[in-house]
Protein backbone atom coordinates (compact mmCIF):
# COMPACT_ATOMS: atom_id res chain seq x y z
CA UNK A 1 -20.63 -9.16 -13.85
CA UNK A 2 -18.10 -11.67 -13.06
CA UNK A 3 -18.62 -10.58 -8.71
CA UNK A 4 -22.65 -12.21 -9.63
CA UNK A 5 -20.02 -14.77 -11.65
CA UNK A 6 -17.83 -15.43 -9.01
CA UNK A 7 -20.70 -15.25 -6.22
CA UNK A 8 -22.97 -18.01 -7.95
CA UNK A 9 -19.47 -20.03 -8.22
CA UNK A 10 -18.40 -20.21 -4.88
CA UNK A 11 -22.07 -21.28 -3.81
CA UNK A 12 -22.81 -23.53 -6.30
CA UNK A 13 -19.24 -25.60 -6.46
CA UNK A 14 -18.99 -29.01 -3.98
CA UNK A 15 -16.31 -28.58 -2.43
CA UNK A 16 -16.54 -24.84 -1.51
CA UNK A 17 -20.23 -26.01 -0.31
CA UNK A 18 -18.92 -28.54 1.77
CA UNK A 19 -16.08 -26.25 3.30
CA UNK A 20 -18.55 -23.10 4.18
CA UNK A 21 -22.17 -24.09 3.65
CA UNK A 22 -23.76 -20.66 3.15
CA UNK A 23 -21.36 -19.13 4.68
CA UNK A 24 -20.38 -17.04 2.59
CA UNK A 25 -20.98 -12.85 2.72
CA UNK A 26 -19.79 -9.80 0.59
CA UNK A 27 -17.26 -7.58 2.05
CA UNK A 28 -18.62 -8.10 6.01
CA UNK A 29 -19.16 -11.27 7.92
CA UNK A 30 -22.30 -10.63 10.19
CA UNK A 31 -21.69 -10.01 13.74
CA UNK A 32 -23.57 -12.74 15.60
CA UNK A 33 -21.69 -15.96 13.43
CA UNK A 34 -21.23 -18.43 15.60
CA UNK A 35 -20.42 -21.54 12.99
CA UNK A 36 -17.51 -22.29 11.25
CA UNK A 37 -16.08 -22.02 9.10
CA UNK A 38 -17.21 -18.97 7.20
CA UNK A 39 -16.10 -16.99 3.90
CA UNK A 40 -16.00 -13.14 2.76
CA UNK A 41 -15.03 -12.00 -0.09
CA UNK A 42 -14.65 -8.52 -2.00
CA UNK A 43 -12.95 -7.17 -5.12
CA UNK A 44 -9.91 -4.73 -4.13
CA UNK A 45 -8.92 -3.42 -7.54
CA UNK A 46 -9.34 -3.99 -11.55
CA UNK A 47 -6.74 -3.39 -14.33
CA UNK A 48 -8.35 -2.81 -17.55
CA UNK A 49 -6.60 -3.48 -20.95
CA UNK A 50 -6.94 -0.90 -23.13
CA UNK A 51 -8.02 -1.46 -26.20
CA UNK A 52 -5.84 -0.60 -28.37
CA UNK A 53 -4.00 -3.35 -26.62
CA UNK A 54 -6.38 -5.85 -27.82
CA UNK A 55 -5.47 -8.32 -30.74
CA UNK A 56 -8.19 -8.16 -33.78
CA UNK A 57 -11.46 -10.05 -32.49
CA UNK A 58 -10.17 -10.98 -29.27
CA UNK A 59 -12.30 -9.99 -26.62
CA UNK A 60 -10.49 -6.97 -24.20
CA UNK A 61 -8.56 -9.23 -21.19
CA UNK A 62 -9.12 -7.64 -17.66
CA UNK A 63 -7.35 -8.17 -13.85
CA UNK A 64 -9.86 -8.06 -11.64
CA UNK A 65 -8.24 -8.63 -7.87
CA UNK A 66 -10.28 -10.36 -4.81
CA UNK A 67 -9.42 -10.72 -1.47
CA UNK A 68 -10.90 -13.94 0.36
CA UNK A 69 -10.93 -14.68 3.88
CA UNK A 70 -11.87 -17.71 5.41
CA UNK A 71 -12.71 -17.10 9.27
CA UNK A 72 -12.61 -20.44 11.66
CA UNK A 73 -12.26 -21.18 15.17
CA UNK A 74 -9.07 -22.80 15.50
CA UNK A 75 -6.30 -22.36 12.88
CA UNK A 76 -5.67 -26.39 11.67
CA UNK A 77 -9.64 -25.88 10.66
CA UNK A 78 -9.00 -22.86 9.29
CA UNK A 79 -5.91 -23.45 7.10
CA UNK A 80 -7.20 -26.72 5.43
CA UNK A 81 -10.47 -24.81 4.59
CA UNK A 82 -8.01 -22.13 2.76
CA UNK A 83 -5.91 -25.23 1.60
CA UNK A 84 -9.00 -26.73 0.03
CA UNK A 85 -10.15 -23.40 -1.72
CA UNK A 86 -7.35 -22.43 -3.24
CA UNK A 87 -7.18 -26.15 -4.87
CA UNK A 88 -10.37 -25.80 -6.66
CA UNK A 89 -10.13 -21.98 -7.42
CA UNK A 90 -6.49 -21.23 -8.45
CA UNK A 91 -6.80 -24.75 -10.76
CA UNK A 92 -10.51 -22.92 -12.64
CA UNK A 93 -9.80 -22.06 -16.15
CA UNK A 94 -13.30 -21.90 -18.17
CA UNK A 95 -16.19 -20.47 -18.13
CA UNK A 96 -18.23 -19.08 -14.84
CA UNK A 97 -21.71 -18.21 -15.07
CA UNK A 98 -20.92 -15.93 -18.25
CA UNK A 99 -17.69 -15.04 -17.91
CA UNK A 100 -14.55 -16.93 -19.70
CA UNK A 101 -11.68 -17.18 -17.40
CA UNK A 102 -8.52 -17.12 -18.69
CA UNK A 103 -6.10 -17.83 -15.31
CA UNK A 104 -6.52 -17.19 -11.25
CA UNK A 105 -3.47 -16.49 -10.08
CA UNK A 106 -2.29 -16.29 -6.00
CA UNK A 107 -0.96 -13.41 -5.24
CA UNK A 108 -0.51 -13.77 -1.33
CA UNK A 109 -1.55 -15.79 1.69
CA UNK A 110 -1.94 -14.32 5.07
CA UNK A 111 -2.51 -16.12 8.57
CA UNK A 112 -3.72 -14.11 11.23
CA UNK A 113 -5.60 -13.80 14.09
CA UNK A 114 -8.44 -10.88 15.04
CA UNK A 115 -11.09 -10.38 17.95
CA UNK A 116 -14.36 -10.92 16.96
CA UNK A 117 -16.92 -9.50 19.82
CA UNK A 118 -15.71 -10.81 22.55
CA UNK A 119 -14.05 -14.41 21.01
CA UNK A 120 -10.45 -14.60 19.08
CA UNK A 121 -10.79 -16.30 15.33
CA UNK A 122 -8.53 -17.15 13.14
CA UNK A 123 -8.24 -15.94 9.83
CA UNK A 124 -6.63 -16.89 6.12
CA UNK A 125 -6.76 -14.31 3.63
CA UNK A 126 -6.05 -15.14 0.16
CA UNK A 127 -5.60 -12.38 -2.68
CA UNK A 128 -6.39 -13.24 -6.10
CA UNK A 129 -5.97 -11.96 -9.64
CA UNK A 130 -8.80 -13.71 -12.02
CA UNK A 131 -7.79 -12.66 -15.44
CA UNK A 132 -11.47 -12.26 -17.91
CA UNK A 133 -12.70 -11.45 -21.06
CA UNK A 134 -14.71 -8.48 -21.07
């Protein structure tokens, strides 16, 4: 449920849509991508809270770790897009679709370059722990 709610949030949030339009992909960016910036996201891991650790009458609180990669042709474009995305995403608390988000914590940012086809592209990877009710 979190995954589909997260995808809808990315598509429907104006600041994110202004950055990447509809170029939001799960796991893989299409090889023929030539519009930038582009975002790719995927789930890295999940840590489930043990039922016996939950207070009575409270939902279980899990942590889902996601990576968001923002690609672009120019370093400044990608860095600015990543900063904007981070300022919107990291501060989100509330209901995302059917999922109640308690907290989003940034764990790591990496600035990378890579070859896609015969072209060099820039990438900023942002890793987050998303704490949510189950």
